[in-house]
Amino acid sequence: MALIVDIRNSVVPIASEISNAYIDFSKMTASVVALVSDVVRDGKPLVGYGFNSNGRYAPKGLLDERFIPRLREADLGGEIDPVRAWDIMMSNEKPGGHGERSVAVGVLDMALWDLAAKIADVPLYQLIADKWRGGEIDEKIFVYAAGGYYYPGKGVEELQAEMQSYRDRGYRVCKIKIGNGLEEDIPRIEAAMEVVGGGQNLMVDVNGRFDLETAIAYAEAIKGYDLFWYEEVGDPLDYALQAELSKVYPNAMATGENLFSHQDGRNLLRYAGMRPDKDWIQMDCALSYGLVEYKRFIDLLPDYGFSPRNCIPHGGHQMSLNIAAGLGLGGNESYPDVFAPFGGFSDGTKVEDSLVGLHQCAGVGFEEKSALIQTMREATETA
């Protein structure tokens, strides 16, 4: 038997003097929630934590006004069941209208899974694998270093130094932002390739900025580089643009990080010309109603010729790392130097040839990331 006896919701800044081709992050925030249970271990109650991924603002109002009250008032029957809790949180919600609602539910979903795994006294990836994959887990997960942002005064030499720092830390594959114009971006791409060892070790990310004409112009300019992928080229919901681009760009593309539901994902599979033999899907559970909804999307993949191996989630957080290990995904994003303390893995985790191992503590693994767990405890006053 286990009950949630308190729910705490706070907002913390993730201010960072970086930008991509579309937005800057200097005023971005994140929600942090704590679910305090009546289960006591080592003299302290077990607490489940959750937060939202970078790129979306803290959905504090939605959490306080709708989703936390529903969870507080719910009768979970003495069991912390994230699937049942998801249904309760989404009660009285009209279909569609996903938007920021999906971010708020994703925050609570993360905390529910963290708490459920702590009560079971197993790492979350093992709980996921036991529930949905016959107990099989991936012991090593592919990760890439996401960086290459535009900073004021940052030139090609600084970009190369950044890429070299990722290589020195064990990342074989790295990613940079593009979208400020071919005259600026082609030298950046070529400079990064010099450091990482060719196009197959480099990804480029547009963050949804291009119209079709610009997307094709870039595609023609970069297709000879044989890049690992060409990412989120147009608006996330412009499936027609993605489909047209797939006809002229022969190499791998990636998109999906700003889709908020399994229905959005299904439309991507149906209409965006995605190619199972080469393309990647980046849905992020923390922005799309959490693991419960993400699993619904995973279950759709075989109907369209895809598998979980086509999925490398956006976000660079530990929740997605657990899902990658437990559901057999293609990997996970990593932010070695930005969005601290929310990005990254357990303290002391070593990256070798773009592969990482797994944490061993119960839950998502927040307690093995000292700066993050301190931030979440202080923000929710659960220290």
Protein backbone atom coordinates (compact mmCIF):
# COMPACT_ATOMS: atom_id res chain seq x y z
CA MET A 1 0.00 0.00 0.00
CA ALA A 2 1.25 3.47 -0.85
CA LEU A 3 -0.36 6.89 -0.88
CA ILE A 4 0.66 10.30 -2.19
CA VAL A 5 0.36 12.59 0.83
CA ASP A 6 1.64 15.85 -0.69
CA ILE A 7 2.28 17.34 -4.13
CA ARG A 8 4.61 20.30 -4.50
CA ASN A 9 5.01 22.42 -7.61
CA SER A 10 7.73 24.98 -8.24
CA VAL A 11 9.26 26.93 -11.11
CA VAL A 12 13.00 27.23 -11.68
CA PRO A 13 14.95 29.10 -14.36
CA ILE A 14 17.01 27.37 -17.01
CA ALA A 15 18.36 30.70 -18.23
CA SER A 16 21.19 30.25 -20.69
CA GLU A 17 22.82 32.75 -23.02
CA ILE A 18 22.38 30.55 -26.07
CA SER A 19 20.09 30.52 -29.06
CA ASN A 20 19.16 28.33 -31.98
CA ALA A 21 17.82 29.49 -35.32
CA TYR A 22 14.41 30.24 -33.83
CA ILE A 23 14.52 31.19 -30.12
CA ASP A 24 16.87 32.18 -27.32
CA PHE A 25 16.79 30.55 -23.92
CA SER A 26 17.65 33.51 -21.70
CA LYS A 27 14.23 33.62 -20.03
CA MET A 28 13.18 29.98 -20.20
CA THR A 29 11.78 28.23 -17.12
CA ALA A 30 10.95 24.69 -16.04
CA SER A 31 8.40 23.20 -13.68
CA VAL A 32 9.63 20.88 -10.95
CA VAL A 33 7.16 18.74 -9.02
CA ALA A 34 7.58 16.44 -6.04
CA LEU A 35 5.14 13.67 -5.10
CA VAL A 36 5.64 12.87 -1.42
CA SER A 37 4.48 9.39 -0.41
CA ASP A 38 3.71 7.74 2.92
CA VAL A 39 6.32 5.04 2.23
CA VAL A 40 9.29 5.56 4.52
CA ARG A 41 12.75 4.19 3.75
CA ASP A 42 15.87 4.96 5.81
CA GLY A 43 13.80 7.29 7.95
CA LYS A 44 12.58 9.47 5.06
CA PRO A 45 9.48 9.38 2.86
CA LEU A 46 9.98 8.29 -0.73
CA VAL A 47 9.57 11.20 -3.13
CA GLY A 48 9.03 11.10 -6.89
CA TYR A 49 10.35 14.03 -8.93
CA GLY A 50 9.50 15.33 -12.38
CA PHE A 51 10.29 18.27 -14.65
CA ASN A 52 9.69 19.42 -18.21
CA SER A 53 12.22 19.36 -21.02
CA ASN A 54 13.96 22.43 -22.37
CA GLY A 55 12.24 24.41 -25.07
CA ARG A 56 8.92 24.79 -23.23
CA TYR A 57 8.08 27.13 -20.39
CA ALA A 58 6.95 25.95 -16.96
CA PRO A 59 3.23 25.05 -17.16
CA LYS A 60 2.61 26.10 -13.55
CA GLY A 61 -0.92 27.35 -14.06
CA LEU A 62 -2.10 24.18 -15.76
CA LEU A 63 -0.52 22.07 -13.05
CA ASP A 64 -2.01 24.10 -10.18
CA GLU A 65 -5.47 24.59 -11.67
CA ARG A 66 -6.24 21.21 -13.25
CA PHE A 67 -3.83 18.33 -13.06
CA ILE A 68 -2.48 18.47 -9.52
CA PRO A 69 -5.98 18.91 -7.99
CA ARG A 70 -7.21 15.86 -9.89
CA LEU A 71 -4.27 13.81 -8.68
CA ARG A 72 -4.77 15.03 -5.11
CA GLU A 73 -8.44 14.12 -5.14
CA ALA A 74 -7.95 10.75 -6.81
CA ASP A 75 -8.35 7.41 -5.13
CA LEU A 76 -5.48 5.34 -6.51
CA GLY A 77 -6.48 2.34 -4.44
CA GLY A 78 -3.32 2.32 -2.37
CA GLU A 79 -1.09 1.68 -5.36
CA ILE A 80 1.04 4.19 -7.27
CA ASP A 81 0.03 3.18 -10.78
CA PRO A 82 1.14 5.78 -13.37
CA VAL A 83 -1.17 4.37 -16.03
CA ARG A 84 -4.25 4.69 -13.84
CA ALA A 85 -3.08 8.08 -12.59
CA TRP A 86 -2.74 9.27 -16.21
CA ASP A 87 -6.38 8.45 -16.88
CA ILE A 88 -7.41 10.35 -13.76
CA MET A 89 -5.34 13.41 -14.67
CA MET A 90 -6.87 13.48 -18.14
CA SER A 91 -10.45 13.11 -16.96
CA ASN A 92 -12.78 15.87 -18.19
CA GLU A 93 -10.29 16.85 -20.91
CA LYS A 94 -11.60 17.18 -24.46
CA PRO A 95 -9.79 15.24 -27.22
CA GLY A 96 -7.28 17.35 -29.12
CA GLY A 97 -5.97 20.64 -27.81
CA HIS A 98 -2.72 18.99 -26.83
CA GLY A 99 -0.41 22.02 -26.60
CA GLU A 100 1.04 22.88 -23.19
CA ARG A 101 -1.41 20.52 -21.51
CA SER A 102 0.79 17.67 -22.65
CA VAL A 103 3.80 19.29 -20.95
CA ALA A 104 2.00 19.59 -17.61
CA VAL A 105 0.89 15.96 -17.66
CA GLY A 106 4.39 14.93 -18.74
CA VAL A 107 5.89 16.55 -15.64
CA LEU A 108 3.58 14.63 -13.31
CA ASP A 109 3.94 11.41 -15.30
CA MET A 110 7.73 11.55 -14.81
CA ALA A 111 7.30 11.99 -11.06
CA LEU A 112 4.80 9.12 -10.88
CA TRP A 113 7.15 6.72 -12.65
CA ASP A 114 10.07 7.85 -10.47
CA LEU A 115 8.00 7.19 -7.36
CA ALA A 116 6.62 3.86 -8.61
CA ALA A 117 10.13 2.57 -9.35
CA LYS A 118 11.39 3.75 -5.96
CA ILE A 119 8.56 1.94 -4.19
CA ALA A 120 9.42 -1.19 -6.21
CA ASP A 121 13.09 -0.56 -5.33
CA VAL A 122 14.31 -0.96 -8.90
CA PRO A 123 15.74 1.39 -11.53
CA LEU A 124 12.98 2.75 -13.73
CA TYR A 125 14.38 1.11 -16.87
CA GLN A 126 13.98 -2.29 -15.20
CA LEU A 127 10.39 -1.51 -14.20
CA ILE A 128 9.65 -0.48 -17.80
CA ALA A 129 11.31 -3.57 -19.25
CA ASP A 130 9.51 -5.89 -16.83
CA LYS A 131 6.16 -4.33 -17.71
CA TRP A 132 6.50 -4.14 -21.49
CA ARG A 133 9.56 -6.01 -22.76
CA GLY A 134 9.79 -9.27 -20.88
CA GLY A 135 12.49 -7.90 -18.60
CA GLU A 136 15.01 -7.29 -21.40
CA ILE A 137 17.06 -4.10 -21.10
CA ASP A 138 19.75 -2.47 -23.23
CA GLU A 139 22.86 -2.17 -21.07
CA LYS A 140 24.51 0.44 -23.30
CA ILE A 141 22.69 3.36 -24.90
CA PHE A 142 23.81 5.41 -27.91
CA VAL A 143 24.07 9.12 -27.11
CA TYR A 144 25.18 12.15 -29.07
CA ALA A 145 26.40 15.54 -27.88
CA ALA A 146 23.91 18.29 -28.68
CA GLY A 147 25.52 21.70 -28.91
CA GLY A 148 26.76 24.03 -31.59
CA TYR A 149 24.42 26.82 -30.54
CA TYR A 150 24.77 30.40 -31.70
CA TYR A 151 26.44 32.55 -29.06
CA PRO A 152 27.23 36.25 -29.42
CA GLY A 153 30.74 36.46 -30.84
CA LYS A 154 31.08 32.72 -31.37
CA GLY A 155 32.96 31.92 -34.56
CA VAL A 156 34.25 28.86 -36.35
CA GLU A 157 37.29 28.43 -34.09
CA GLU A 158 35.12 28.44 -30.96
CA LEU A 159 32.75 25.96 -32.59
CA GLN A 160 35.61 23.61 -33.38
CA ALA A 161 36.89 23.87 -29.81
CA GLU A 162 33.43 22.95 -28.55
CA MET A 163 33.25 19.93 -30.86
CA GLN A 164 36.71 18.82 -29.78
CA SER A 165 35.67 19.03 -26.14
CA TYR A 166 32.81 16.62 -26.85
CA ARG A 167 35.13 14.25 -28.65
CA ASP A 168 37.52 14.39 -25.72
CA ARG A 169 34.65 13.35 -23.43
CA GLY A 170 33.83 10.25 -25.47
CA TYR A 171 31.19 11.47 -27.90
CA ARG A 172 31.70 10.19 -31.42
CA VAL A 173 28.57 11.88 -32.81
CA CYS A 174 27.86 15.59 -32.25
CA LYS A 175 25.17 18.05 -33.31
CA ILE A 176 25.20 21.73 -34.26
CA LYS A 177 22.48 24.29 -34.95
CA ILE A 178 21.99 25.73 -38.41
CA GLY A 179 19.48 28.10 -40.00
CA ASN A 180 21.12 31.52 -40.09
CA GLY A 181 21.86 31.32 -43.80
CA LEU A 182 24.06 29.17 -46.03
CA GLU A 183 26.87 31.73 -46.08
CA GLU A 184 27.26 31.36 -42.33
CA ASP A 185 26.26 27.73 -41.92
CA ILE A 186 28.30 25.96 -44.61
CA PRO A 187 31.63 27.05 -43.07
CA ARG A 188 30.31 25.98 -39.66
CA ILE A 189 29.29 22.55 -40.94
CA GLU A 190 32.60 21.98 -42.69
CA ALA A 191 34.57 23.16 -39.67
CA ALA A 192 32.64 20.82 -37.37
CA MET A 193 33.16 17.91 -39.76
CA GLU A 194 36.90 18.47 -39.64
CA VAL A 195 36.83 17.85 -35.89
CA VAL A 196 34.32 15.02 -35.59
CA GLY A 197 35.68 13.00 -38.48
CA GLY A 198 33.20 13.41 -41.33
CA GLY A 199 29.51 13.79 -41.96
CA GLN A 200 28.41 10.49 -40.43
CA ASN A 201 29.51 11.85 -37.06
CA LEU A 202 27.66 15.17 -37.42
CA MET A 203 24.00 16.13 -37.13
CA VAL A 204 22.53 19.51 -38.06
CA ASP A 205 19.37 20.96 -36.49
CA VAL A 206 17.21 23.73 -37.97
CA ASN A 207 14.67 23.85 -35.10
CA GLY A 208 11.75 24.16 -37.50
CA ARG A 209 12.68 27.45 -39.15
CA PHE A 210 12.64 26.73 -42.90
CA ASP A 211 9.96 27.00 -45.54
CA LEU A 212 10.08 24.39 -48.31
CA GLU A 213 12.19 26.51 -50.68
CA THR A 214 14.86 27.12 -48.06
CA ALA A 215 14.73 23.52 -46.85
CA ILE A 216 15.43 22.27 -50.38
CA ALA A 217 18.20 24.84 -50.93
CA TYR A 218 19.95 23.62 -47.79
CA ALA A 219 19.31 20.00 -48.76
CA GLU A 220 21.04 20.52 -52.09
CA ALA A 221 23.96 22.25 -50.38
CA ILE A 222 24.55 19.61 -47.71
CA LYS A 223 23.54 16.29 -49.26
CA GLY A 224 27.08 15.56 -50.37
CA TYR A 225 28.28 15.64 -46.76
CA ASP A 226 26.37 12.43 -45.87
CA LEU A 227 25.41 13.80 -42.46
CA PHE A 228 24.09 11.60 -39.66
CA TRP A 229 20.84 13.52 -39.95
CA TYR A 230 19.18 16.77 -41.09
CA GLU A 231 16.83 17.69 -38.23
CA GLU A 232 13.45 19.40 -37.82
CA VAL A 233 13.72 21.34 -41.03
CA GLY A 234 10.24 22.89 -41.12
CA ASP A 235 7.36 23.54 -38.77
CA PRO A 236 6.71 20.42 -36.66
CA LEU A 237 3.19 19.99 -38.08
CA ASP A 238 4.08 20.70 -41.72
CA TYR A 239 4.03 17.05 -42.76
CA ALA A 240 3.75 18.03 -46.42
CA LEU A 241 7.04 19.93 -46.26
CA GLN A 242 8.73 16.92 -44.69
CA ALA A 243 7.26 14.63 -47.33
CA GLU A 244 8.40 16.84 -50.21
CA LEU A 245 11.85 17.17 -48.73
CA SER A 246 12.21 13.40 -48.46
CA LYS A 247 11.85 13.22 -52.24
CA VAL A 248 14.96 15.34 -52.86
CA TYR A 249 17.13 14.72 -49.81
CA PRO A 250 18.57 11.20 -50.00
CA ASN A 251 20.13 11.03 -46.55
CA ALA A 252 18.69 10.61 -43.06
CA MET A 253 16.34 13.15 -41.49
CA ALA A 254 14.96 13.49 -37.98
CA THR A 255 11.92 15.23 -36.54
CA GLY A 256 9.17 14.91 -33.95
CA GLU A 257 10.52 16.61 -30.82
CA ASN A 258 7.64 19.12 -30.84
CA LEU A 259 4.84 16.62 -31.32
CA PHE A 260 2.64 16.41 -28.25
CA SER A 261 0.58 13.24 -28.58
CA HIS A 262 0.49 9.79 -30.10
CA GLN A 263 -2.07 11.15 -32.59
CA ASP A 264 0.48 13.74 -33.75
CA GLY A 265 3.00 10.95 -34.07
CA ARG A 266 0.60 8.82 -36.06
CA ASN A 267 0.03 11.66 -38.50
CA LEU A 268 3.79 12.02 -38.85
CA LEU A 269 4.05 8.35 -39.78
CA ARG A 270 1.11 8.58 -42.17
CA TYR A 271 1.81 11.80 -44.02
CA ALA A 272 5.38 13.06 -43.60
CA GLY A 273 7.17 10.71 -45.97
CA MET A 274 9.30 9.31 -43.18
CA ARG A 275 11.50 6.41 -44.30
CA PRO A 276 11.91 3.49 -41.89
CA ASP A 277 15.27 2.48 -43.33
CA LYS A 278 16.97 5.80 -42.51
CA ASP A 279 14.87 8.40 -40.66
CA TRP A 280 14.61 9.13 -36.94
CA ILE A 281 11.73 10.15 -34.67
CA GLN A 282 12.45 12.41 -31.69
CA MET A 283 9.27 12.56 -29.60
CA ASP A 284 10.11 13.56 -26.03
CA CYS A 285 7.94 11.98 -23.34
CA ALA A 286 8.46 14.95 -21.01
CA LEU A 287 6.74 17.21 -23.56
CA SER A 288 4.10 14.76 -24.78
CA TYR A 289 2.02 13.52 -21.83
CA GLY A 290 4.77 11.30 -20.43
CA LEU A 291 5.69 7.65 -20.74
CA VAL A 292 2.09 6.40 -20.75
CA GLU A 293 1.40 8.32 -23.97
CA TYR A 294 4.84 7.61 -25.40
CA LYS A 295 4.19 3.89 -25.12
CA ARG A 296 1.01 4.36 -27.17
CA PHE A 297 3.13 5.93 -29.90
CA ILE A 298 5.68 3.11 -29.73
CA ASP A 299 2.86 0.61 -30.21
CA LEU A 300 1.89 2.35 -33.48
CA LEU A 301 5.31 2.04 -35.10
CA PRO A 302 5.08 -1.49 -36.58
CA ASP A 303 1.93 -0.56 -38.49
CA TYR A 304 4.04 1.88 -40.54
CA GLY A 305 7.20 -0.20 -40.89
CA PHE A 306 9.08 1.45 -38.02
CA SER A 307 10.49 0.06 -34.79
CA PRO A 308 11.54 1.56 -31.44
CA ARG A 309 15.08 1.62 -32.84
CA ASN A 310 13.98 4.49 -35.11
CA CYS A 311 13.41 6.61 -31.99
CA ILE A 312 16.02 8.83 -30.35
CA PRO A 313 14.14 11.18 -28.02
CA HIS A 314 14.80 14.89 -27.65
CA GLY A 315 15.57 16.37 -24.25
CA GLY A 316 18.82 14.85 -23.06
CA HIS A 317 17.35 13.87 -19.70
CA GLN A 318 17.47 10.77 -17.55
CA MET A 319 13.82 9.89 -18.09
CA SER A 320 14.42 9.28 -21.78
CA LEU A 321 17.57 7.31 -20.99
CA ASN A 322 15.50 4.93 -18.85
CA ILE A 323 12.92 4.61 -21.62
CA ALA A 324 15.62 3.95 -24.21
CA ALA A 325 17.03 1.13 -22.08
CA GLY A 326 13.66 -0.33 -21.10
CA LEU A 327 11.91 -0.15 -24.48
CA GLY A 328 14.90 -0.70 -26.76
CA LEU A 329 15.04 2.69 -28.48
CA GLY A 330 17.77 3.83 -30.85
CA GLY A 331 19.43 6.09 -28.29
CA ASN A 332 19.10 9.34 -26.41
CA GLU A 333 20.13 12.97 -26.79
CA SER A 334 22.74 14.46 -24.45
CA TYR A 335 23.55 18.04 -23.44
CA PRO A 336 27.07 17.99 -22.00
CA ASP A 337 27.33 21.75 -21.49
CA VAL A 338 23.87 23.34 -21.63
CA PHE A 339 20.55 23.20 -19.75
CA ALA A 340 22.26 22.28 -16.50
CA PRO A 341 21.39 20.72 -14.19
CA PHE A 342 18.46 19.05 -16.00
CA GLY A 343 20.41 17.51 -18.86
CA GLY A 344 23.02 14.82 -18.58
CA PHE A 345 23.38 11.56 -16.71
CA SER A 346 24.49 10.31 -13.32
CA ASP A 347 27.63 11.80 -11.84
CA GLY A 348 30.70 9.93 -12.99
CA THR A 349 28.99 8.42 -16.04
CA LYS A 350 31.54 7.91 -18.78
CA VAL A 351 30.78 8.19 -22.46
CA GLU A 352 32.78 5.82 -24.65
CA ASP A 353 32.35 5.88 -28.43
CA SER A 354 28.98 7.64 -27.91
CA LEU A 355 27.71 4.90 -25.59
CA VAL A 356 26.73 5.20 -21.91
CA GLY A 357 25.87 2.71 -19.24
CA LEU A 358 22.98 2.86 -16.77
CA HIS A 359 22.50 4.02 -13.19
CA GLN A 360 21.80 1.45 -10.49
CA CYS A 361 19.68 3.34 -7.95
CA ALA A 362 15.91 2.99 -7.68
CA GLY A 363 13.81 5.36 -9.77
CA VAL A 364 14.83 7.60 -12.64
CA GLY A 365 18.29 8.06 -11.15
CA PHE A 366 18.02 11.67 -10.01
CA GLU A 367 19.75 10.88 -6.72
CA GLU A 368 22.91 9.94 -8.63
CA LYS A 369 23.05 13.40 -10.23
CA SER A 370 23.99 15.65 -7.33
CA ALA A 371 23.36 19.09 -8.85
CA LEU A 372 19.95 18.08 -10.19
CA ILE A 373 18.65 16.38 -7.05
CA GLN A 374 19.79 19.35 -4.97
CA THR A 375 17.94 21.74 -7.28
CA MET A 376 14.74 19.70 -7.20
CA ARG A 377 14.85 19.21 -3.41
CA GLU A 378 15.44 22.89 -2.77
CA ALA A 379 12.77 23.99 -5.26
CA THR A 380 10.14 21.72 -3.71
CA GLU A 381 11.38 21.99 -0.13
CA THR A 382 11.86 18.24 0.15
CA ALA A 383 15.53 18.37 1.21
